[in-house]
Amino acid sequence: MANIRVIIVGAGIAGPVLAVFLKMKGYDPVIYERLPGPGEGGIAIMLQPNGMRVLSLIPELLKHIPGHSPDRMIHCSCLDEVEDILVDSDISPATTRERYGFPYIGVRRPEFQQLLIDTAQKHGVEIKWGHQAIEFEQSEDAVEVRFANGTKDTASFVVGCDGLHSNTRIALFGKEKAHFTGMVRVGGVSPTPPVLQGSFAVVNNYGDGRHMIAYPVAEDEYAWSITTRGAEAKENWRMQNAEQQNEIRKGPFSAWGFGAGDLVKTGQKIVRYGLCDRPELESWFKGRIVLLGDAAHPTTPHLGQGANQAFEDIYHFMRLLGKHNPSADQLSTELLLRVFTDYQDLRLLRTSELVRKARRQGEIRVVEGIDACRARDEAVRTRFNDDVLARRASDEMLSGPFTESEM
């Protein structure tokens, strides 16, 4: 009997990982991606222990991840030309492995995406580029997907992994405008600045109405992003043209302390984009179509949990699929309903809370006015220097989604 066909919409970060797990469990996944090939979009991702825990279930994957692990987490502030270290904590691979089993790894997003695509293809997963899903027609035991180029395909069920601007989500729940948060980001990748030479640190740099996060993605490179309030900018990840990049390199950020200005002045492939999220959904599925990752719960990047929560989604989705359909047989609509309901009920509350926390974190980071900024800095100092509070917050975010895999 032929393996059960599954259509995955989206070949970004979540889609290839889900496809590998489905293939490993005896399904026949195929990925459809609207872009003509792997994109250069995005700057970098910080893989955190909870996401790494899920990726570790794919044989040999972790050792091929390109990137670099930080040793320190530094929070610093530059106000009225006064530089202040608020927090300096140990997040070295040895420490995070002892606490959570896995380290942090900073990685360029395009390189990481390419690794996941290569891994999926090595597992026999077909990826069809240049296919934008536009219509979904459900029957009693299948879903037919129609694409903008006129082609069609049919599968037992469909998983929408197509991100913030998900066509799958629109097909299920109607068109809705992404919510612009009032914040924009500028970022790029730069040579390690002199002040950080010989040190690998995640650096949170706070200023008046602005925040930078920077972290190593190679022995000699840092990825960085600056968040400010500003007019809406389309979230398309396209690199600024040469003139725009030079304006950023020579602009007011270039004088920022703690190496931030050096990163800006030497930035490569600088992008600018607005930060958006969407209203929380009450349900993530209809019939034989379900959402996963940013398609279900798009988030602002202030906790660095977007990709990592998508991996948690994948773990629980696959665990529940295995629980309800251990032989990977044809799934009745009733059986799929149980899988999708259990998955949604388990994940919806957790991801919604993290989306709200990320939104609040972003608001706090870019407060304006010296008094408000000093209050923010003191709150950061208090929170992260309190070992009990800091450990509790880290445990809540990084200890999931399992201790011993039940997949």
Protein backbone atom coordinates (compact mmCIF):
# COMPACT_ATOMS: atom_id res chain seq x y z
CA MET A 1 0.00 0.00 0.00
CA ALA A 2 1.29 3.48 -0.91
CA ASN A 3 2.33 5.77 1.90
CA ILE A 4 -0.14 8.47 2.94
CA ARG A 5 0.51 11.68 1.01
CA VAL A 6 0.78 14.95 2.95
CA ILE A 7 1.07 18.40 1.38
CA ILE A 8 3.15 20.94 3.30
CA VAL A 9 2.73 24.55 2.20
CA GLY A 10 5.98 26.47 2.76
CA ALA A 11 9.67 25.57 2.53
CA GLY A 12 10.96 28.11 5.04
CA ILE A 13 12.16 26.80 8.40
CA ALA A 14 9.27 24.70 9.75
CA GLY A 15 8.19 22.98 6.52
CA PRO A 16 11.38 20.99 5.81
CA VAL A 17 11.70 19.90 9.45
CA LEU A 18 8.10 18.66 9.55
CA ALA A 19 8.61 16.87 6.23
CA VAL A 20 11.64 14.97 7.55
CA PHE A 21 9.72 13.75 10.60
CA LEU A 22 6.75 12.70 8.46
CA LYS A 23 9.07 10.81 6.13
CA MET A 24 10.76 9.11 9.08
CA LYS A 25 7.34 7.96 10.34
CA GLY A 26 6.25 6.43 7.04
CA TYR A 27 4.28 9.23 5.37
CA ASP A 28 4.86 10.69 1.91
CA PRO A 29 5.23 14.45 2.37
CA VAL A 30 5.67 16.93 -0.47
CA ILE A 31 6.53 20.60 0.06
CA TYR A 32 5.14 23.37 -2.12
CA GLU A 33 6.81 26.80 -1.91
CA ARG A 34 5.63 29.96 -3.65
CA LEU A 35 9.19 31.31 -4.15
CA PRO A 36 11.26 30.07 -7.11
CA GLY A 37 14.01 28.77 -4.85
CA PRO A 38 15.64 29.14 -1.43
CA GLY A 39 15.64 32.84 -0.58
CA GLU A 40 18.27 35.17 0.82
CA GLY A 41 15.61 36.65 3.09
CA GLY A 42 16.18 37.09 6.77
CA ILE A 43 19.30 37.81 8.76
CA ALA A 44 19.92 35.24 11.46
CA ILE A 45 18.26 32.94 13.98
CA MET A 46 19.23 32.10 17.53
CA LEU A 47 18.53 28.43 17.99
CA GLN A 48 17.68 27.94 21.65
CA PRO A 49 17.80 24.75 23.72
CA ASN A 50 14.09 23.94 23.32
CA GLY A 51 14.35 24.14 19.54
CA MET A 52 17.64 22.25 19.52
CA ARG A 53 16.02 19.48 21.57
CA VAL A 54 13.53 18.86 18.76
CA LEU A 55 16.15 19.08 15.99
CA SER A 56 18.26 16.51 17.85
CA LEU A 57 15.66 13.88 16.95
CA ILE A 58 16.79 14.10 13.29
CA PRO A 59 19.91 11.93 13.03
CA GLU A 60 23.16 13.77 12.31
CA LEU A 61 21.49 17.18 11.90
CA LEU A 62 22.95 19.05 14.87
CA LYS A 63 26.57 18.47 13.92
CA HIS A 64 25.97 20.10 10.52
CA ILE A 65 24.35 23.29 11.80
CA PRO A 66 26.50 26.22 10.62
CA GLY A 67 26.92 28.93 13.21
CA HIS A 68 28.45 29.69 16.57
CA SER A 69 27.52 29.39 20.24
CA PRO A 70 27.79 32.40 22.56
CA ASP A 71 29.50 32.27 25.95
CA ARG A 72 27.95 35.31 27.61
CA MET A 73 24.65 37.20 27.71
CA ILE A 74 25.36 40.90 28.17
CA HIS A 75 22.79 43.65 28.72
CA CYS A 76 24.22 47.14 28.43
CA SER A 77 22.91 50.67 28.15
CA CYS A 78 24.07 53.88 26.47
CA LEU A 79 22.26 56.97 27.76
CA ASP A 80 23.61 60.55 27.59
CA GLU A 81 26.91 59.08 26.33
CA VAL A 82 27.25 57.05 29.54
CA GLU A 83 27.88 53.34 28.99
CA ASP A 84 26.72 50.91 31.66
CA ILE A 85 26.85 47.13 31.94
CA LEU A 86 23.52 46.05 33.39
CA VAL A 87 23.94 42.26 33.30
CA ASP A 88 26.73 39.86 32.34
CA SER A 89 25.71 36.21 32.66
CA ASP A 90 27.10 32.82 31.64
CA ILE A 91 25.29 31.07 28.77
CA SER A 92 28.27 29.06 27.56
CA PRO A 93 27.65 25.72 25.83
CA ALA A 94 28.87 23.89 28.95
CA THR A 95 26.46 25.78 31.20
CA THR A 96 23.40 25.49 28.95
CA ARG A 97 24.08 21.82 28.23
CA GLU A 98 24.23 21.17 31.98
CA ARG A 99 20.92 22.97 32.53
CA TYR A 100 18.99 22.09 29.38
CA GLY A 101 20.97 19.50 27.45
CA PHE A 102 21.68 21.75 24.47
CA PRO A 103 23.45 25.04 23.73
CA TYR A 104 22.40 28.22 21.99
CA ILE A 105 23.60 28.53 18.40
CA GLY A 106 23.49 31.71 16.31
CA VAL A 107 23.17 30.95 12.61
CA ARG A 108 22.58 32.91 9.43
CA ARG A 109 19.02 32.21 8.38
CA PRO A 110 19.72 31.50 4.66
CA GLU A 111 22.45 29.00 5.55
CA PHE A 112 20.23 27.27 8.10
CA GLN A 113 17.30 27.11 5.70
CA GLN A 114 19.56 25.57 3.05
CA LEU A 115 20.72 22.92 5.52
CA LEU A 116 17.10 22.01 6.32
CA ILE A 117 16.22 21.84 2.61
CA ASP A 118 19.23 19.63 1.91
CA THR A 119 18.32 17.40 4.86
CA ALA A 120 14.73 17.03 3.65
CA GLN A 121 15.85 16.14 0.14
CA LYS A 122 18.35 13.58 1.49
CA HIS A 123 15.41 11.94 3.24
CA GLY A 124 13.58 11.71 -0.09
CA VAL A 125 11.26 14.69 0.35
CA GLU A 126 10.24 16.41 -2.90
CA ILE A 127 10.20 20.23 -2.85
CA LYS A 128 8.30 21.98 -5.62
CA TRP A 129 9.36 25.61 -6.01
CA GLY A 130 7.35 28.36 -7.66
CA HIS A 131 3.99 26.97 -6.51
CA GLN A 132 1.75 29.44 -4.68
CA ALA A 133 -1.20 27.68 -3.07
CA ILE A 134 -4.38 29.65 -3.71
CA GLU A 135 -7.34 27.27 -3.31
CA PHE A 136 -8.08 24.27 -1.11
CA GLU A 137 -11.03 21.97 -1.80
CA GLN A 138 -11.81 19.36 0.82
CA SER A 139 -13.63 16.08 0.32
CA GLU A 140 -14.45 13.33 2.78
CA ASP A 141 -11.00 11.75 2.68
CA ALA A 142 -8.66 14.21 0.89
CA VAL A 143 -7.72 17.81 0.10
CA GLU A 144 -7.12 19.12 -3.41
CA VAL A 145 -4.74 22.11 -3.56
CA ARG A 146 -4.70 24.42 -6.55
CA PHE A 147 -1.74 26.63 -7.34
CA ALA A 148 -1.41 29.98 -9.08
CA ASN A 149 0.49 28.37 -11.98
CA GLY A 150 -2.52 26.16 -12.77
CA THR A 151 -1.28 22.88 -11.29
CA LYS A 152 -3.15 20.77 -8.74
CA ASP A 153 -2.26 18.11 -6.20
CA THR A 154 -4.22 15.97 -3.73
CA ALA A 155 -3.23 14.68 -0.31
CA SER A 156 -4.77 13.08 2.75
CA PHE A 157 -4.20 16.29 4.71
CA VAL A 158 -2.45 19.66 4.40
CA VAL A 159 -0.20 21.50 6.86
CA GLY A 160 0.22 25.25 6.36
CA CYS A 161 3.76 26.26 7.28
CA ASP A 162 3.70 29.41 5.15
CA GLY A 163 4.46 32.03 7.75
CA LEU A 164 3.13 35.47 8.61
CA HIS A 165 1.54 35.99 5.18
CA SER A 166 0.04 32.49 5.07
CA ASN A 167 -2.29 31.77 2.16
CA THR A 168 -3.38 28.63 4.00
CA ARG A 169 -4.58 30.71 6.94
CA ILE A 170 -6.46 33.04 4.58
CA ALA A 171 -8.14 30.06 2.92
CA LEU A 172 -9.29 28.72 6.29
CA PHE A 173 -10.28 31.88 8.14
CA GLY A 174 -10.48 34.72 5.63
CA LYS A 175 -8.25 37.62 4.79
CA GLU A 176 -7.05 39.79 7.66
CA LYS A 177 -4.54 42.60 7.79
CA ALA A 178 -1.30 41.88 9.60
CA HIS A 179 -1.02 44.07 12.69
CA PHE A 180 1.86 46.54 12.42
CA THR A 181 3.32 47.01 15.89
CA GLY A 182 4.65 50.51 15.27
CA MET A 183 8.20 49.18 15.34
CA VAL A 184 10.72 48.65 12.56
CA ARG A 185 13.99 46.77 12.42
CA VAL A 186 17.26 47.42 10.63
CA GLY A 187 19.85 44.67 10.62
CA GLY A 188 22.72 42.94 8.93
CA VAL A 189 25.85 40.87 9.46
CA SER A 190 29.23 42.44 10.28
CA PRO A 191 32.80 41.52 11.16
CA THR A 192 33.29 41.14 14.91
CA PRO A 193 33.95 44.64 16.29
CA PRO A 194 37.13 45.35 18.27
CA VAL A 195 35.32 45.56 21.61
CA LEU A 196 34.02 41.98 21.15
CA GLN A 197 37.20 40.43 19.76
CA GLY A 198 38.00 37.20 21.60
CA SER A 199 34.52 37.10 23.13
CA PHE A 200 31.34 35.45 21.90
CA ALA A 201 28.39 37.18 23.48
CA VAL A 202 24.72 37.86 22.95
CA VAL A 203 24.64 41.63 23.45
CA ASN A 204 21.43 43.51 24.24
CA ASN A 205 22.22 47.22 23.87
CA TYR A 206 19.57 49.66 25.14
CA GLY A 207 19.28 53.31 24.19
CA ASP A 208 16.70 56.06 24.16
CA GLY A 209 13.92 54.67 21.97
CA ARG A 210 16.09 51.95 20.49
CA HIS A 211 17.43 48.48 21.15
CA MET A 212 20.05 46.35 19.43
CA ILE A 213 20.56 42.63 19.74
CA ALA A 214 23.76 41.15 18.35
CA TYR A 215 25.22 37.66 18.49
CA PRO A 216 27.94 35.59 16.80
CA VAL A 217 27.06 33.52 13.74
CA ALA A 218 30.66 32.56 12.93
CA GLU A 219 34.14 32.82 14.46
CA ASP A 220 34.52 36.33 13.05
CA GLU A 221 30.97 37.55 12.33
CA TYR A 222 28.07 38.97 14.30
CA ALA A 223 24.45 39.29 13.21
CA TRP A 224 22.64 42.34 14.56
CA SER A 225 19.21 43.98 14.52
CA ILE A 226 18.11 47.38 15.79
CA THR A 227 14.49 47.99 16.80
CA THR A 228 13.01 51.49 16.87
CA ARG A 229 9.60 53.04 16.48
CA GLY A 230 8.87 54.17 12.95
CA ALA A 231 6.60 54.26 9.94
CA GLU A 232 5.41 50.94 8.59
CA ALA A 233 7.90 49.17 6.34
CA LYS A 234 6.88 46.10 4.36
CA GLU A 235 8.08 42.83 5.85
CA ASN A 236 9.70 41.42 2.72
CA TRP A 237 13.28 40.98 3.96
CA ARG A 238 14.67 42.64 0.83
CA MET A 239 18.12 44.13 1.13
CA GLN A 240 18.32 47.93 1.05
CA ASN A 241 19.90 49.41 -2.05
CA ALA A 242 23.50 50.69 -1.88
CA GLU A 243 22.51 54.27 -1.13
CA GLN A 244 20.09 53.26 1.62
CA GLN A 245 22.69 50.97 3.20
CA ASN A 246 25.29 53.75 3.22
CA GLU A 247 22.79 56.10 4.87
CA ILE A 248 22.31 53.56 7.66
CA ARG A 249 26.06 52.95 8.04
CA LYS A 250 26.70 56.69 8.38
CA GLY A 251 23.57 57.50 10.38
CA PRO A 252 23.09 58.12 14.10
CA PHE A 253 23.41 54.43 15.01
CA SER A 254 27.07 54.50 13.89
CA ALA A 255 28.04 56.42 17.06
CA TRP A 256 26.45 53.90 19.45
CA GLY A 257 28.69 52.46 22.19
CA PHE A 258 29.68 48.93 23.22
CA GLY A 259 30.57 48.04 19.63
CA ALA A 260 27.07 48.68 18.29
CA GLY A 261 28.26 51.58 16.14
CA ASP A 262 31.09 49.47 14.70
CA LEU A 263 28.60 46.77 13.71
CA VAL A 264 26.42 49.33 11.93
CA LYS A 265 29.35 50.97 10.11
CA THR A 266 30.57 47.63 8.75
CA GLY A 267 27.14 46.05 8.12
CA GLN A 268 26.68 43.83 5.06
CA LYS A 269 23.42 43.10 3.24
CA ILE A 270 21.48 45.48 5.47
CA VAL A 271 17.71 45.00 5.52
CA ARG A 272 14.87 47.10 6.95
CA TYR A 273 11.41 45.77 7.75
CA GLY A 274 8.36 46.38 9.88
CA LEU A 275 7.46 44.14 12.82
CA CYS A 276 4.01 42.62 12.55
CA ASP A 277 1.90 39.97 14.18
CA ARG A 278 -1.72 38.86 13.79
CA PRO A 279 -4.78 38.45 15.99
CA GLU A 280 -4.85 35.25 18.03
CA LEU A 281 -6.89 32.51 16.41
CA GLU A 282 -9.43 30.46 18.34
CA SER A 283 -8.74 27.46 16.12
CA TRP A 284 -5.82 26.35 13.95
CA PHE A 285 -7.62 23.92 11.64
CA LYS A 286 -10.65 23.18 9.53
CA GLY A 287 -11.37 19.70 8.30
CA ARG A 288 -8.17 18.23 6.90
CA ILE A 289 -6.10 21.43 6.90
CA VAL A 290 -4.07 22.62 9.89
CA LEU A 291 -1.68 25.49 10.59
CA LEU A 292 1.74 25.32 12.22
CA GLY A 293 4.43 27.80 13.28
CA ASP A 294 4.09 31.44 12.22
CA ALA A 295 1.07 30.60 10.08
CA ALA A 296 -0.77 29.77 13.32
CA HIS A 297 0.89 32.14 15.80
CA PRO A 298 3.13 34.75 14.15
CA THR A 299 5.19 36.62 16.70
CA THR A 300 7.50 39.57 16.95
CA PRO A 301 11.15 38.55 17.42
CA HIS A 302 11.79 40.01 20.87
CA LEU A 303 12.02 36.62 22.63
CA GLY A 304 13.79 34.88 19.75
CA GLN A 305 11.25 32.06 19.93
CA GLY A 306 9.60 32.11 16.49
CA ALA A 307 11.45 29.19 14.92
CA ASN A 308 11.95 27.45 18.25
CA GLN A 309 8.20 27.42 18.96
CA ALA A 310 7.55 26.11 15.44
CA PHE A 311 9.83 23.18 16.29
CA GLU A 312 7.84 22.60 19.49
CA ASP A 313 4.67 22.59 17.35
CA ILE A 314 6.24 19.97 15.10
CA TYR A 315 7.23 17.74 17.99
CA HIS A 316 3.75 17.67 19.52
CA PHE A 317 2.02 17.37 16.16
CA MET A 318 4.13 14.34 15.26
CA ARG A 319 3.79 12.83 18.74
CA LEU A 320 0.01 13.08 18.58
CA LEU A 321 -0.11 11.82 15.00
CA GLY A 322 1.87 8.78 16.13
CA LYS A 323 -0.34 8.29 19.16
CA HIS A 324 -3.58 8.29 17.16
CA ASN A 325 -2.24 6.65 13.98
CA PRO A 326 0.78 4.51 14.95
CA SER A 327 0.80 2.55 11.69
CA ALA A 328 0.66 5.67 9.46
CA ASP A 329 -2.50 4.32 7.83
CA GLN A 330 -5.11 6.33 5.92
CA LEU A 331 -6.68 8.80 8.33
CA SER A 332 -10.41 9.23 8.65
CA THR A 333 -11.71 12.75 9.18
CA GLU A 334 -12.73 11.73 12.69
CA LEU A 335 -9.20 10.54 13.50
CA LEU A 336 -7.65 13.70 12.06
CA LEU A 337 -10.06 15.75 14.16
CA ARG A 338 -8.68 14.09 17.29
CA VAL A 339 -5.06 14.73 16.24
CA PHE A 340 -5.67 18.35 15.28
CA THR A 341 -7.79 19.09 18.36
CA ASP A 342 -5.26 17.63 20.79
CA TYR A 343 -2.42 19.49 19.04
CA GLN A 344 -4.27 22.79 19.05
CA ASP A 345 -5.45 22.49 22.64
CA LEU A 346 -1.92 21.73 23.81
CA ARG A 347 -0.16 24.48 21.88
CA LEU A 348 -2.57 27.38 21.50
CA LEU A 349 -2.37 28.75 25.04
CA ARG A 350 1.42 28.46 25.31
CA THR A 351 2.14 30.14 22.00
CA SER A 352 -0.45 32.87 22.59
CA GLU A 353 1.20 33.74 25.90
CA LEU A 354 4.64 33.88 24.29
CA VAL A 355 3.33 36.13 21.49
CA ARG A 356 1.97 38.51 24.13
CA LYS A 357 5.23 38.40 26.10
CA ALA A 358 7.24 39.15 22.96
CA ARG A 359 4.99 42.12 22.20
CA ARG A 360 5.40 43.47 25.74
CA GLN A 361 9.16 42.94 25.61
CA GLY A 362 9.37 44.97 22.42
CA GLU A 363 7.43 47.85 23.95
CA ILE A 364 9.69 47.90 27.01
CA ARG A 365 12.89 47.83 24.96
CA VAL A 366 12.15 50.98 22.95
CA VAL A 367 10.72 53.29 25.61
CA GLU A 368 11.55 56.95 25.04
CA GLY A 369 12.77 59.64 27.40
CA ILE A 370 15.72 59.47 29.79
CA ASP A 371 13.67 58.82 32.93
CA ALA A 372 11.68 56.01 31.28
CA CYS A 373 14.89 54.51 29.89
CA ARG A 374 16.60 54.57 33.28
CA ALA A 375 13.60 52.81 34.81
CA ARG A 376 13.76 50.21 32.03
CA ASP A 377 17.48 49.69 32.61
CA GLU A 378 16.98 49.20 36.32
CA ALA A 379 14.19 46.68 35.66
CA VAL A 380 16.52 44.75 33.32
CA ARG A 381 19.29 44.81 35.92
CA THR A 382 16.96 43.59 38.67
CA ARG A 383 15.31 40.88 36.60
CA PHE A 384 18.41 39.27 35.15
CA ASN A 385 20.63 39.62 38.24
CA ASP A 386 18.02 37.84 40.37
CA ASP A 387 19.10 34.23 39.93
CA VAL A 388 15.72 32.81 40.99
CA LEU A 389 13.69 35.02 38.64
CA ALA A 390 16.10 34.59 35.74
CA ARG A 391 16.25 30.82 36.15
CA ARG A 392 12.47 30.52 36.40
CA ALA A 393 11.94 32.54 33.22
CA SER A 394 14.55 30.51 31.34
CA ASP A 395 13.16 27.20 32.53
CA GLU A 396 9.64 28.11 31.41
CA MET A 397 10.83 28.90 27.91
CA LEU A 398 13.72 26.50 27.33
CA SER A 399 12.81 23.25 29.10
CA GLY A 400 10.19 22.11 26.55
CA PRO A 401 8.82 20.38 24.69
CA PHE A 402 9.93 17.09 26.30
CA THR A 403 12.37 15.46 28.70
CA GLU A 404 12.27 12.04 27.08
CA SER A 405 10.91 11.95 23.53
CA GLU A 406 7.55 10.26 23.06
CA MET A 407 7.50 10.76 19.30
